[in-house]
C-alpha atoms as a PDB file:
ATOM      1  CA  UNK A   1       0.560  10.228  25.369  1.00  0.00           C
ATOM      2  CA  UNK A   2      -2.465   8.684  23.653  1.00  0.00           C
ATOM      3  CA  UNK A   3      -1.182   5.557  21.893  1.00  0.00           C
ATOM      4  CA  UNK A   4      -2.648   2.135  21.378  1.00  0.00           C
ATOM      5  CA  UNK A   5       0.633   0.337  20.730  1.00  0.00           C
ATOM      6  CA  UNK A   6      -0.100  -3.224  19.757  1.00  0.00           C
ATOM      7  CA  UNK A   7       2.643  -5.471  18.401  1.00  0.00           C
ATOM      8  CA  UNK A   8       1.075  -7.847  15.925  1.00  0.00           C
ATOM      9  CA  UNK A   9       2.527 -11.286  16.437  1.00  0.00           C
ATOM     10  CA  UNK A  10       2.246 -14.552  14.736  1.00  0.00           C
ATOM     11  CA  UNK A  11       1.977 -11.652  12.497  1.00  0.00           C
ATOM     12  CA  UNK A  12     -11.740 -11.057 -18.974  1.00  0.00           C
ATOM     13  CA  UNK A  13      -9.247  -7.917 -19.117  1.00  0.00           C
ATOM     14  CA  UNK A  14     -10.082  -4.514 -17.717  1.00  0.00           C
ATOM     15  CA  UNK A  15      -8.184  -1.635 -19.258  1.00  0.00           C
ATOM     16  CA  UNK A  16      -6.746   1.034 -16.997  1.00  0.00           C
ATOM     17  CA  UNK A  17      -7.819   4.646 -17.193  1.00  0.00           C
ATOM     18  CA  UNK A  18      -5.109   7.032 -18.378  1.00  0.00           C
ATOM     19  CA  UNK A  19      -2.831   8.153 -15.563  1.00  0.00           C
ATOM     20  CA  UNK A  20      -4.270  11.270 -13.968  1.00  0.00           C
ATOM     21  CA  UNK A  21      -7.818  10.694 -15.292  1.00  0.00           C
ATOM     22  CA  UNK A  22     -10.522  11.623 -12.806  1.00  0.00           C
ATOM     23  CA  UNK A  23     -12.230   8.660 -11.139  1.00  0.00           C
ATOM     24  CA  UNK A  24     -13.870  10.531  -8.293  1.00  0.00           C
ATOM     25  CA  UNK A  25     -17.469  10.090  -9.416  1.00  0.00           C
ATOM     26  CA  UNK A  26     -17.132   6.371 -10.124  1.00  0.00           C
ATOM     27  CA  UNK A  27     -15.538   5.577  -6.758  1.00  0.00           C
ATOM     28  CA  UNK A  28     -17.724   7.775  -4.570  1.00  0.00           C
ATOM     29  CA  UNK A  29     -20.836   6.291  -6.153  1.00  0.00           C
ATOM     30  CA  UNK A  30     -19.795   2.643  -5.823  1.00  0.00           C
ATOM     31  CA  UNK A  31     -20.944   0.519  -2.872  1.00  0.00           C
ATOM     32  CA  UNK A  32     -17.440  -0.947  -2.574  1.00  0.00           C
ATOM     33  CA  UNK A  33     -14.326  -0.145  -4.598  1.00  0.00           C
ATOM     34  CA  UNK A  34     -10.546  -0.015  -4.699  1.00  0.00           C
ATOM     35  CA  UNK A  35      -8.938   3.205  -5.894  1.00  0.00           C
ATOM     36  CA  UNK A  36      -5.334   3.552  -6.979  1.00  0.00           C
ATOM     37  CA  UNK A  37      -3.789   6.800  -5.744  1.00  0.00           C
ATOM     38  CA  UNK A  38      -0.282   6.090  -6.996  1.00  0.00           C
ATOM     39  CA  UNK A  39       0.745   3.383  -9.454  1.00  0.00           C
ATOM     40  CA  UNK A  40       4.431   4.235  -9.676  1.00  0.00           C
ATOM     41  CA  UNK A  41       7.572   3.430  -7.749  1.00  0.00           C
ATOM     42  CA  UNK A  42      10.656   5.275  -6.495  1.00  0.00           C
ATOM     43  CA  UNK A  43      11.844   6.878  -9.748  1.00  0.00           C
ATOM     44  CA  UNK A  44      10.678  10.391 -10.610  1.00  0.00           C
ATOM     45  CA  UNK A  45       9.286  11.304 -14.008  1.00  0.00           C
ATOM     46  CA  UNK A  46       6.172  10.513 -15.962  1.00  0.00           C
ATOM     47  CA  UNK A  47       2.658  10.964 -14.594  1.00  0.00           C
ATOM     48  CA  UNK A  48       2.514   8.318 -11.865  1.00  0.00           C
ATOM     49  CA  UNK A  49       2.588   9.128  -8.160  1.00  0.00           C
ATOM     50  CA  UNK A  50       4.372   6.702  -5.864  1.00  0.00           C
ATOM     51  CA  UNK A  51       2.452   3.957  -4.109  1.00  0.00           C
ATOM     52  CA  UNK A  52      -0.904   4.467  -2.403  1.00  0.00           C
ATOM     53  CA  UNK A  53      -4.425   3.031  -2.411  1.00  0.00           C
ATOM     54  CA  UNK A  54      -7.892   3.729  -1.012  1.00  0.00           C
ATOM     55  CA  UNK A  55     -10.722   1.362  -0.110  1.00  0.00           C
ATOM     56  CA  UNK A  56     -14.140   2.972  -0.618  1.00  0.00           C
ATOM     57  CA  UNK A  57     -17.352   1.811   1.037  1.00  0.00           C
ATOM     58  CA  UNK A  58     -20.691   3.518   0.634  1.00  0.00           C
ATOM     59  CA  UNK A  59     -19.223   6.703  -0.769  1.00  0.00           C
ATOM     60  CA  UNK A  60     -16.512   7.050   1.881  1.00  0.00           C
ATOM     61  CA  UNK A  61     -12.812   6.239   1.740  1.00  0.00           C
ATOM     62  CA  UNK A  62     -12.541   4.014   4.815  1.00  0.00           C
ATOM     63  CA  UNK A  63      -8.947   2.764   4.515  1.00  0.00           C
ATOM     64  CA  UNK A  64      -5.716   3.961   2.956  1.00  0.00           C
ATOM     65  CA  UNK A  65      -2.716   1.736   2.274  1.00  0.00           C
ATOM     66  CA  UNK A  66       0.648   3.475   1.771  1.00  0.00           C
ATOM     67  CA  UNK A  67       1.352   7.168   1.364  1.00  0.00           C
ATOM     68  CA  UNK A  68       4.130   7.558  -1.182  1.00  0.00           C
ATOM     69  CA  UNK A  69       5.096  10.798  -2.889  1.00  0.00           C
ATOM     70  CA  UNK A  70       2.172  12.335  -4.765  1.00  0.00           C
ATOM     71  CA  UNK A  71      -0.555  10.485  -2.871  1.00  0.00           C
ATOM     72  CA  UNK A  72      -1.431  13.619  -0.876  1.00  0.00           C
ATOM     73  CA  UNK A  73      -2.395  15.308  -4.158  1.00  0.00           C
ATOM     74  CA  UNK A  74      -4.220  12.210  -5.429  1.00  0.00           C
ATOM     75  CA  UNK A  75      -6.099  11.879  -2.099  1.00  0.00           C
ATOM     76  CA  UNK A  76      -7.598  15.325  -2.675  1.00  0.00           C
ATOM     77  CA  UNK A  77      -8.284  14.683  -6.355  1.00  0.00           C
ATOM     78  CA  UNK A  78     -10.137  11.507  -5.425  1.00  0.00           C
ATOM     79  CA  UNK A  79     -12.490  13.464  -3.172  1.00  0.00           C
ATOM     80  CA  UNK A  80     -11.471  11.469  -0.110  1.00  0.00           C
ATOM     81  CA  UNK A  81     -11.828  12.916   3.400  1.00  0.00           C
ATOM     82  CA  UNK A  82      -9.519  12.143   6.290  1.00  0.00           C
ATOM     83  CA  UNK A  83     -12.433  12.116   8.739  1.00  0.00           C
ATOM     84  CA  UNK A  84     -13.843   9.031   6.952  1.00  0.00           C
ATOM     85  CA  UNK A  85     -10.644   6.973   7.165  1.00  0.00           C
ATOM     86  CA  UNK A  86     -10.652   4.212   9.808  1.00  0.00           C
ATOM     87  CA  UNK A  87      -7.124   2.964   9.069  1.00  0.00           C
ATOM     88  CA  UNK A  88      -3.980   4.321   7.453  1.00  0.00           C
ATOM     89  CA  UNK A  89      -1.701   1.335   6.841  1.00  0.00           C
ATOM     90  CA  UNK A  90       1.961   1.585   5.795  1.00  0.00           C
ATOM     91  CA  UNK A  91       3.597  -1.475   4.255  1.00  0.00           C
ATOM     92  CA  UNK A  92       7.232  -0.466   4.830  1.00  0.00           C
ATOM     93  CA  UNK A  93       9.466   2.529   5.336  1.00  0.00           C
ATOM     94  CA  UNK A  94      10.932   3.109   1.892  1.00  0.00           C
ATOM     95  CA  UNK A  95      10.159   6.749   1.020  1.00  0.00           C
ATOM     96  CA  UNK A  96       8.038   5.852  -2.015  1.00  0.00           C
ATOM     97  CA  UNK A  97       5.549   4.277   0.412  1.00  0.00           C
ATOM     98  CA  UNK A  98       5.480   6.758   3.275  1.00  0.00           C
ATOM     99  CA  UNK A  99       6.919  10.168   2.328  1.00  0.00           C
ATOM    100  CA  UNK A 100       3.554  11.968   2.104  1.00  0.00           C
ATOM    101  CA  UNK A 101       2.510  10.997   5.632  1.00  0.00           C
ATOM    102  CA  UNK A 102       3.395  14.387   7.197  1.00  0.00           C
ATOM    103  CA  UNK A 103       1.414  16.200   4.488  1.00  0.00           C
ATOM    104  CA  UNK A 104      -1.647  14.021   5.120  1.00  0.00           C
ATOM    105  CA  UNK A 105      -1.482  14.689   8.870  1.00  0.00           C
ATOM    106  CA  UNK A 106      -0.833  18.430   8.652  1.00  0.00           C
ATOM    107  CA  UNK A 107      -3.975  20.247   9.921  1.00  0.00           C
ATOM    108  CA  UNK A 108      -5.591  16.830  10.424  1.00  0.00           C
ATOM    109  CA  UNK A 109      -6.993  17.960  13.780  1.00  0.00           C
ATOM    110  CA  UNK A 110      -9.265  20.306  11.820  1.00  0.00           C
ATOM    111  CA  UNK A 111     -10.561  17.434   9.687  1.00  0.00           C
ATOM    112  CA  UNK A 112     -11.424  15.002  12.471  1.00  0.00           C
ATOM    113  CA  UNK A 113     -11.679  14.761  16.239  1.00  0.00           C
ATOM    114  CA  UNK A 114     -11.571  11.004  16.743  1.00  0.00           C
ATOM    115  CA  UNK A 115      -8.098   9.354  16.838  1.00  0.00           C
ATOM    116  CA  UNK A 116      -6.790   7.753  13.652  1.00  0.00           C
ATOM    117  CA  UNK A 117      -5.533   4.179  13.714  1.00  0.00           C
ATOM    118  CA  UNK A 118      -2.242   3.894  11.865  1.00  0.00           C
ATOM    119  CA  UNK A 119      -0.269   0.701  11.269  1.00  0.00           C
ATOM    120  CA  UNK A 120       3.243  -0.061  10.089  1.00  0.00           C
ATOM    121  CA  UNK A 121       6.026  -2.635  10.392  1.00  0.00           C
ATOM    122  CA  UNK A 122       8.430  -3.536  13.146  1.00  0.00           C
ATOM    123  CA  UNK A 123      12.055  -2.541  12.723  1.00  0.00           C
ATOM    124  CA  UNK A 124      15.171  -4.260  11.490  1.00  0.00           C
ATOM    125  CA  UNK A 125      18.572  -3.267  10.142  1.00  0.00           C
ATOM    126  CA  UNK A 126      18.516   0.301   8.851  1.00  0.00           C
ATOM    127  CA  UNK A 127      14.788   0.609   9.477  1.00  0.00           C
ATOM    128  CA  UNK A 128      13.308   1.662  12.832  1.00  0.00           C
ATOM    129  CA  UNK A 129      10.124   0.229  14.260  1.00  0.00           C
ATOM    130  CA  UNK A 130       7.082   2.164  13.068  1.00  0.00           C
ATOM    131  CA  UNK A 131       6.416   3.725  16.476  1.00  0.00           C
ATOM    132  CA  UNK A 132      10.026   4.947  16.621  1.00  0.00           C
ATOM    133  CA  UNK A 133       9.712   6.280  13.076  1.00  0.00           C
ATOM    134  CA  UNK A 134       6.664   8.324  14.088  1.00  0.00           C
ATOM    135  CA  UNK A 135       8.416   9.713  17.152  1.00  0.00           C
ATOM    136  CA  UNK A 136      11.392  10.749  15.020  1.00  0.00           C
ATOM    137  CA  UNK A 137       9.004  12.573  12.726  1.00  0.00           C
ATOM    138  CA  UNK A 138       6.588  14.209  15.154  1.00  0.00           C
ATOM    139  CA  UNK A 139       8.021  14.352  18.688  1.00  0.00           C
ATOM    140  CA  UNK A 140       7.423  17.889  19.959  1.00  0.00           C
ATOM    141  CA  UNK A 141      10.818  17.932  21.685  1.00  0.00           C
ATOM    142  CA  UNK A 142      13.046  16.919  18.797  1.00  0.00           C
ATOM    143  CA  UNK A 143      11.168  15.441  15.858  1.00  0.00           C
ATOM    144  CA  UNK A 144      11.578  16.523  12.264  1.00  0.00           C
ATOM    145  CA  UNK A 145       8.073  18.060  12.394  1.00  0.00           C
ATOM    146  CA  UNK A 146       7.630  19.037  16.074  1.00  0.00           C
ATOM    147  CA  UNK A 147       4.599  21.146  15.162  1.00  0.00           C
ATOM    148  CA  UNK A 148       2.790  17.808  14.647  1.00  0.00           C
ATOM    149  CA  UNK A 149       3.418  16.663  18.237  1.00  0.00           C
ATOM    150  CA  UNK A 150      -0.336  16.425  18.707  1.00  0.00           C
ATOM    151  CA  UNK A 151      -0.262  13.191  16.708  1.00  0.00           C
ATOM    152  CA  UNK A 152       1.637  11.669  19.667  1.00  0.00           C
ATOM    153  CA  UNK A 153      -0.594  13.206  22.315  1.00  0.00           C
ATOM    154  CA  UNK A 154       1.966  15.960  22.977  1.00  0.00           C
ATOM    155  CA  UNK A 155       1.776  19.697  22.477  1.00  0.00           C
ATOM    156  CA  UNK A 156       1.280  20.735  18.891  1.00  0.00           C
ATOM    157  CA  UNK A 157      -1.068  20.023  16.052  1.00  0.00           C
ATOM    158  CA  UNK A 158      -2.297  16.877  14.350  1.00  0.00           C
ATOM    159  CA  UNK A 159      -4.965  14.305  15.078  1.00  0.00           C
ATOM    160  CA  UNK A 160      -3.982  11.778  17.742  1.00  0.00           C
ATOM    161  CA  UNK A 161      -2.691   8.500  16.351  1.00  0.00           C
ATOM    162  CA  UNK A 162      -3.462   5.033  17.674  1.00  0.00           C
ATOM    163  CA  UNK A 163      -0.379   3.117  16.588  1.00  0.00           C
ATOM    164  CA  UNK A 164      -0.269  -0.565  15.667  1.00  0.00           C
ATOM    165  CA  UNK A 165       3.178  -2.048  15.091  1.00  0.00           C
ATOM    166  CA  UNK A 166       3.078  -5.156  12.904  1.00  0.00           C
ATOM    167  CA  UNK A 167       5.762  -7.760  13.605  1.00  0.00           C
ATOM    168  CA  UNK A 168       7.104  -8.266  10.088  1.00  0.00           C
ATOM    169  CA  UNK A 169       9.066 -11.350  11.165  1.00  0.00           C
ATOM    170  CA  UNK A 170       6.150 -13.183  12.792  1.00  0.00           C
ATOM    171  CA  UNK A 171       5.160 -16.605  11.527  1.00  0.00           C
ATOM    172  CA  UNK A 172       1.420 -15.950  11.297  1.00  0.00           C
ATOM    173  CA  UNK A 173      -0.932 -13.094  10.557  1.00  0.00           C
ATOM    174  CA  UNK A 174      -2.943 -11.273  13.194  1.00  0.00           C
ATOM    175  CA  UNK A 175      -5.689  -8.683  13.254  1.00  0.00           C
ATOM    176  CA  UNK A 176      -4.712  -5.024  12.899  1.00  0.00           C
ATOM    177  CA  UNK A 177      -8.211  -3.538  13.074  1.00  0.00           C
ATOM    178  CA  UNK A 178     -11.671  -4.916  13.643  1.00  0.00           C
ATOM    179  CA  UNK A 179     -14.864  -2.896  13.791  1.00  0.00           C
ATOM    180  CA  UNK A 180     -18.423  -3.253  12.537  1.00  0.00           C
ATOM    181  CA  UNK A 181     -17.549  -2.515   8.914  1.00  0.00           C
ATOM    182  CA  UNK A 182     -13.847  -3.207   8.487  1.00  0.00           C
ATOM    183  CA  UNK A 183     -11.471  -6.018   9.394  1.00  0.00           C
ATOM    184  CA  UNK A 184      -7.785  -5.803   8.546  1.00  0.00           C
ATOM    185  CA  UNK A 185      -5.010  -8.330   9.084  1.00  0.00           C
ATOM    186  CA  UNK A 186      -1.309  -8.225   8.199  1.00  0.00           C
ATOM    187  CA  UNK A 187       1.522 -10.607   7.348  1.00  0.00           C
ATOM    188  CA  UNK A 188       5.225  -9.985   6.795  1.00  0.00           C
ATOM    189  CA  UNK A 189       6.513 -10.494   3.246  1.00  0.00           C
ATOM    190  CA  UNK A 190      10.130 -10.814   1.990  1.00  0.00           C
ATOM    191  CA  UNK A 191      11.546  -7.551   0.625  1.00  0.00           C
ATOM    192  CA  UNK A 192      15.276  -8.031   0.956  1.00  0.00           C
ATOM    193  CA  UNK A 193      16.398  -6.794   4.385  1.00  0.00           C
ATOM    194  CA  UNK A 194      13.483  -4.323   4.591  1.00  0.00           C
ATOM    195  CA  UNK A 195      10.690  -5.174   7.079  1.00  0.00           C
ATOM    196  CA  UNK A 196       7.601  -5.171   4.853  1.00  0.00           C
ATOM    197  CA  UNK A 197       4.010  -6.273   5.461  1.00  0.00           C
ATOM    198  CA  UNK A 198       1.021  -7.136   3.308  1.00  0.00           C
ATOM    199  CA  UNK A 199      -2.518  -6.208   4.352  1.00  0.00           C
ATOM    200  CA  UNK A 200      -5.826  -8.001   3.885  1.00  0.00           C
ATOM    201  CA  UNK A 201      -8.877  -5.737   4.104  1.00  0.00           C
ATOM    202  CA  UNK A 202     -12.267  -7.385   4.622  1.00  0.00           C
ATOM    203  CA  UNK A 203     -15.339  -5.243   3.934  1.00  0.00           C
ATOM    204  CA  UNK A 204     -18.929  -6.480   3.628  1.00  0.00           C
ATOM    205  CA  UNK A 205     -17.826 -10.059   3.049  1.00  0.00           C
ATOM    206  CA  UNK A 206     -15.330  -9.148   0.333  1.00  0.00           C
ATOM    207  CA  UNK A 207     -11.567  -8.952   0.513  1.00  0.00           C
ATOM    208  CA  UNK A 208      -8.841  -6.775  -0.980  1.00  0.00           C
ATOM    209  CA  UNK A 209      -5.250  -7.925  -0.426  1.00  0.00           C
ATOM    210  CA  UNK A 210      -2.332  -5.534  -0.822  1.00  0.00           C
ATOM    211  CA  UNK A 211       0.794  -7.572  -1.495  1.00  0.00           C
ATOM    212  CA  UNK A 212       3.283  -4.740  -0.901  1.00  0.00           C
ATOM    213  CA  UNK A 213       6.842  -4.829  -2.237  1.00  0.00           C
ATOM    214  CA  UNK A 214       8.013  -8.435  -2.032  1.00  0.00           C
ATOM    215  CA  UNK A 215      10.138 -10.936  -3.932  1.00  0.00           C
ATOM    216  CA  UNK A 216       7.437 -13.613  -3.859  1.00  0.00           C
ATOM    217  CA  UNK A 217       9.617 -16.118  -2.057  1.00  0.00           C
ATOM    218  CA  UNK A 218       7.342 -16.916   0.896  1.00  0.00           C
ATOM    219  CA  UNK A 219       4.565 -19.434   0.119  1.00  0.00           C
ATOM    220  CA  UNK A 220       2.609 -18.268   3.178  1.00  0.00           C
ATOM    221  CA  UNK A 221       1.529 -15.202   1.257  1.00  0.00           C
ATOM    222  CA  UNK A 222      -0.590 -17.160  -1.235  1.00  0.00           C
ATOM    223  CA  UNK A 223      -2.462 -18.640   1.707  1.00  0.00           C
ATOM    224  CA  UNK A 224      -2.863 -15.198   3.272  1.00  0.00           C
ATOM    225  CA  UNK A 225      -4.278 -13.896  -0.039  1.00  0.00           C
ATOM    226  CA  UNK A 226      -6.423 -16.963  -0.682  1.00  0.00           C
ATOM    227  CA  UNK A 227      -9.704 -16.228  -2.448  1.00  0.00           C
ATOM    228  CA  UNK A 228      -9.172 -12.463  -2.553  1.00  0.00           C
ATOM    229  CA  UNK A 229     -11.771 -10.610  -4.570  1.00  0.00           C
ATOM    230  CA  UNK A 230      -8.975  -8.228  -5.583  1.00  0.00           C
ATOM    231  CA  UNK A 231      -5.270  -8.920  -5.202  1.00  0.00           C
ATOM    232  CA  UNK A 232      -2.944  -5.934  -5.660  1.00  0.00           C
ATOM    233  CA  UNK A 233       0.572  -7.012  -6.617  1.00  0.00           C
ATOM    234  CA  UNK A 234       3.578  -4.846  -7.413  1.00  0.00           C
ATOM    235  CA  UNK A 235       5.235  -5.298 -10.789  1.00  0.00           C
ATOM    236  CA  UNK A 236       8.524  -3.454 -10.614  1.00  0.00           C
ATOM    237  CA  UNK A 237      10.686  -5.802 -12.655  1.00  0.00           C
ATOM    238  CA  UNK A 238      10.734  -7.484 -16.039  1.00  0.00           C
ATOM    239  CA  UNK A 239      11.352 -11.165 -16.549  1.00  0.00           C
ATOM    240  CA  UNK A 240      14.975 -10.371 -17.548  1.00  0.00           C
ATOM    241  CA  UNK A 241      15.849  -8.886 -14.156  1.00  0.00           C
ATOM    242  CA  UNK A 242      18.757 -10.476 -12.303  1.00  0.00           C
ATOM    243  CA  UNK A 243      21.049  -9.845  -9.386  1.00  0.00           C
ATOM    244  CA  UNK A 244      20.294  -8.153  -6.030  1.00  0.00           C
ATOM    245  CA  UNK A 245      17.195  -6.362  -7.308  1.00  0.00           C
ATOM    246  CA  UNK A 246      15.342  -9.693  -7.390  1.00  0.00           C
ATOM    247  CA  UNK A 247      15.756  -9.972  -3.616  1.00  0.00           C
ATOM    248  CA  UNK A 248      13.450  -6.966  -3.371  1.00  0.00           C
ATOM    249  CA  UNK A 249      10.857  -7.488  -6.096  1.00  0.00           C
ATOM    250  CA  UNK A 250       9.243 -10.427  -7.873  1.00  0.00           C
ATOM    251  CA  UNK A 251       9.569 -11.048 -11.584  1.00  0.00           C
ATOM    252  CA  UNK A 252       6.314 -11.135 -13.595  1.00  0.00           C
ATOM    253  CA  UNK A 253       6.103 -14.923 -13.771  1.00  0.00           C
ATOM    254  CA  UNK A 254       6.307 -15.111  -9.979  1.00  0.00           C
ATOM    255  CA  UNK A 255       3.575 -12.490  -9.617  1.00  0.00           C
ATOM    256  CA  UNK A 256       1.330 -14.501 -11.928  1.00  0.00           C
ATOM    257  CA  UNK A 257       1.969 -17.751 -10.084  1.00  0.00           C
ATOM    258  CA  UNK A 258       1.209 -16.149  -6.709  1.00  0.00           C
ATOM    259  CA  UNK A 259      -2.131 -14.831  -7.970  1.00  0.00           C
ATOM    260  CA  UNK A 260      -2.993 -18.221  -9.496  1.00  0.00           C
ATOM    261  CA  UNK A 261      -2.030 -20.111  -6.338  1.00  0.00           C
ATOM    262  CA  UNK A 262      -4.133 -17.711  -4.253  1.00  0.00           C
ATOM    263  CA  UNK A 263      -7.106 -18.237  -6.589  1.00  0.00           C
ATOM    264  CA  UNK A 264      -7.590 -14.478  -6.692  1.00  0.00           C
ATOM    265  CA  UNK A 265     -10.726 -13.347  -8.481  1.00  0.00           C
ATOM    266  CA  UNK A 266      -9.004 -10.280  -9.961  1.00  0.00           C
ATOM    267  CA  UNK A 267      -5.375  -9.172 -10.123  1.00  0.00           C
ATOM    268  CA  UNK A 268      -4.364  -5.504 -10.070  1.00  0.00           C
ATOM    269  CA  UNK A 269      -0.778  -4.795 -11.154  1.00  0.00           C
ATOM    270  CA  UNK A 270       0.828  -1.617  -9.807  1.00  0.00           C
ATOM    271  CA  UNK A 271       4.086  -0.013  -8.564  1.00  0.00           C
ATOM    272  CA  UNK A 272       5.568   0.072 -12.055  1.00  0.00           C
ATOM    273  CA  UNK A 273       9.228   1.047 -12.178  1.00  0.00           C
ATOM    274  CA  UNK A 274      11.640   2.461 -14.685  1.00  0.00           C
ATOM    275  CA  UNK A 275      15.381   2.138 -14.475  1.00  0.00           C
ATOM    276  CA  UNK A 276      17.243   4.661 -12.309  1.00  0.00           C
ATOM    277  CA  UNK A 277      19.484   6.889 -14.484  1.00  0.00           C
ATOM    278  CA  UNK A 278      22.741   5.239 -13.433  1.00  0.00           C
ATOM    279  CA  UNK A 279      21.604   1.652 -14.013  1.00  0.00           C
ATOM    280  CA  UNK A 280      22.934   0.101 -17.226  1.00  0.00           C
ATOM    281  CA  UNK A 281      20.161  -2.490 -17.518  1.00  0.00           C
ATOM    282  CA  UNK A 282      16.925  -0.523 -18.095  1.00  0.00           C
ATOM    283  CA  UNK A 283      15.351  -3.638 -19.614  1.00  0.00           C
ATOM    284  CA  UNK A 284      15.228  -5.178 -16.119  1.00  0.00           C
ATOM    285  CA  UNK A 285      12.384  -2.862 -15.051  1.00  0.00           C
ATOM    286  CA  UNK A 286       8.687  -3.131 -15.855  1.00  0.00           C
ATOM    287  CA  UNK A 287       8.256   0.293 -17.495  1.00  0.00           C
ATOM    288  CA  UNK A 288      10.902  -0.528 -20.104  1.00  0.00           C
ATOM    289  CA  UNK A 289       8.184  -2.604 -21.826  1.00  0.00           C
ATOM    290  CA  UNK A 290       5.111  -2.757 -19.600  1.00  0.00           C
ATOM    291  CA  UNK A 291       3.034  -4.638 -22.149  1.00  0.00           C
ATOM    292  CA  UNK A 292       5.567  -7.458 -22.278  1.00  0.00           C
ATOM    293  CA  UNK A 293       5.840  -7.614 -18.472  1.00  0.00           C
ATOM    294  CA  UNK A 294       2.043  -7.870 -18.134  1.00  0.00           C
ATOM    295  CA  UNK A 295       1.974 -10.558 -20.831  1.00  0.00           C
ATOM    296  CA  UNK A 296       4.432 -12.589 -18.752  1.00  0.00           C
ATOM    297  CA  UNK A 297       2.059 -12.361 -15.771  1.00  0.00           C
ATOM    298  CA  UNK A 298      -0.824 -13.546 -17.929  1.00  0.00           C
ATOM    299  CA  UNK A 299       1.044 -16.705 -18.847  1.00  0.00           C
ATOM    300  CA  UNK A 300       0.617 -17.863 -15.256  1.00  0.00           C
ATOM    301  CA  UNK A 301      -2.635 -16.210 -14.084  1.00  0.00           C
ATOM    302  CA  UNK A 302      -5.870 -17.061 -15.865  1.00  0.00           C
ATOM    303  CA  UNK A 303      -8.147 -14.472 -14.248  1.00  0.00           C
ATOM    304  CA  UNK A 304      -8.888 -10.846 -15.144  1.00  0.00           C
ATOM    305  CA  UNK A 305      -6.038  -8.344 -14.839  1.00  0.00           C
ATOM    306  CA  UNK A 306      -6.030  -4.584 -14.320  1.00  0.00           C
ATOM    307  CA  UNK A 307      -2.961  -2.545 -15.213  1.00  0.00           C
ATOM    308  CA  UNK A 308      -3.175   0.243 -12.655  1.00  0.00           C
ATOM    309  CA  UNK A 309      -3.161   3.967 -13.347  1.00  0.00           C
ATOM    310  CA  UNK A 310      -3.400   6.860 -10.899  1.00  0.00           C
ATOM    311  CA  UNK A 311      -6.975   7.519  -9.719  1.00  0.00           C
ATOM    312  CA  UNK A 312      -8.309   4.384 -11.407  1.00  0.00           C
ATOM    313  CA  UNK A 313     -11.394   3.068  -9.621  1.00  0.00           C
ATOM    314  CA  UNK A 314     -12.063  -0.672  -9.544  1.00  0.00           C
ATOM    315  CA  UNK A 315     -15.547  -1.559  -8.235  1.00  0.00           C
ATOM    316  CA  UNK A 316     -16.051  -4.835  -6.413  1.00  0.00           C
ATOM    317  CA  UNK A 317     -19.166  -6.705  -7.555  1.00  0.00           C
END
């Protein structure tokens, strides 16, 4: 089995493009850029895919963060190529962040020969460790997709994966990947009882921080995100939200304060959510009145803000 299993310890306004608008040319031509693959959350409907992002450098998509439902389609629409990706990072194991992973890896051995580094969180409660999750998916002897056993160095198809397991409970951040053009570190963030990690991607002296799903209750994150050129934060709730849902996601005011404390140069808001059909409080969720939720963020963050849309490309100066 070909695995590199490393447990990480210590652990101005810009308007969004319409959802689904093509941004391929603008991202592939930028020296360095962030592209939103999916700006939605777990609820179906509308035009937003679930969560996923690309980091572009010199016309190549060099890193992908999260692979929620619909990101496989957006990956192709963006003109990205799997052979260019140095890291595929998963923040946590909710389906709206990882469900398109098998689709991305299907026939991947035809796209690239070199192994693909893939990172994800340690386990806890109902959630297995990321290496166990991958075995349950792709093990050739009993996985859900045994045809992709090649991802684990077994018989079957799929590019071989070099797996990094991030300790989501660790007190400090640690490197996930370091090469000549890309440095990535990770830190656990509070998302109820779900092991969840944020990623900081350093490219050419600039930084993009992906805050993941979190309730904003850990002050270490602002330090981790300090000085980010772009800070991506998830805005699933409205300021009216109450009850258990606030253990999972931050209200807008908290999101704004985190970005201000981190002194982020630009804030990108994403992972917008509408109320599930059975919930009697639709006003608790950001898509009930997205403009109002964004306005609440702006009360606490003085820098430029992007409201994300699928395939939006955000160049870094």
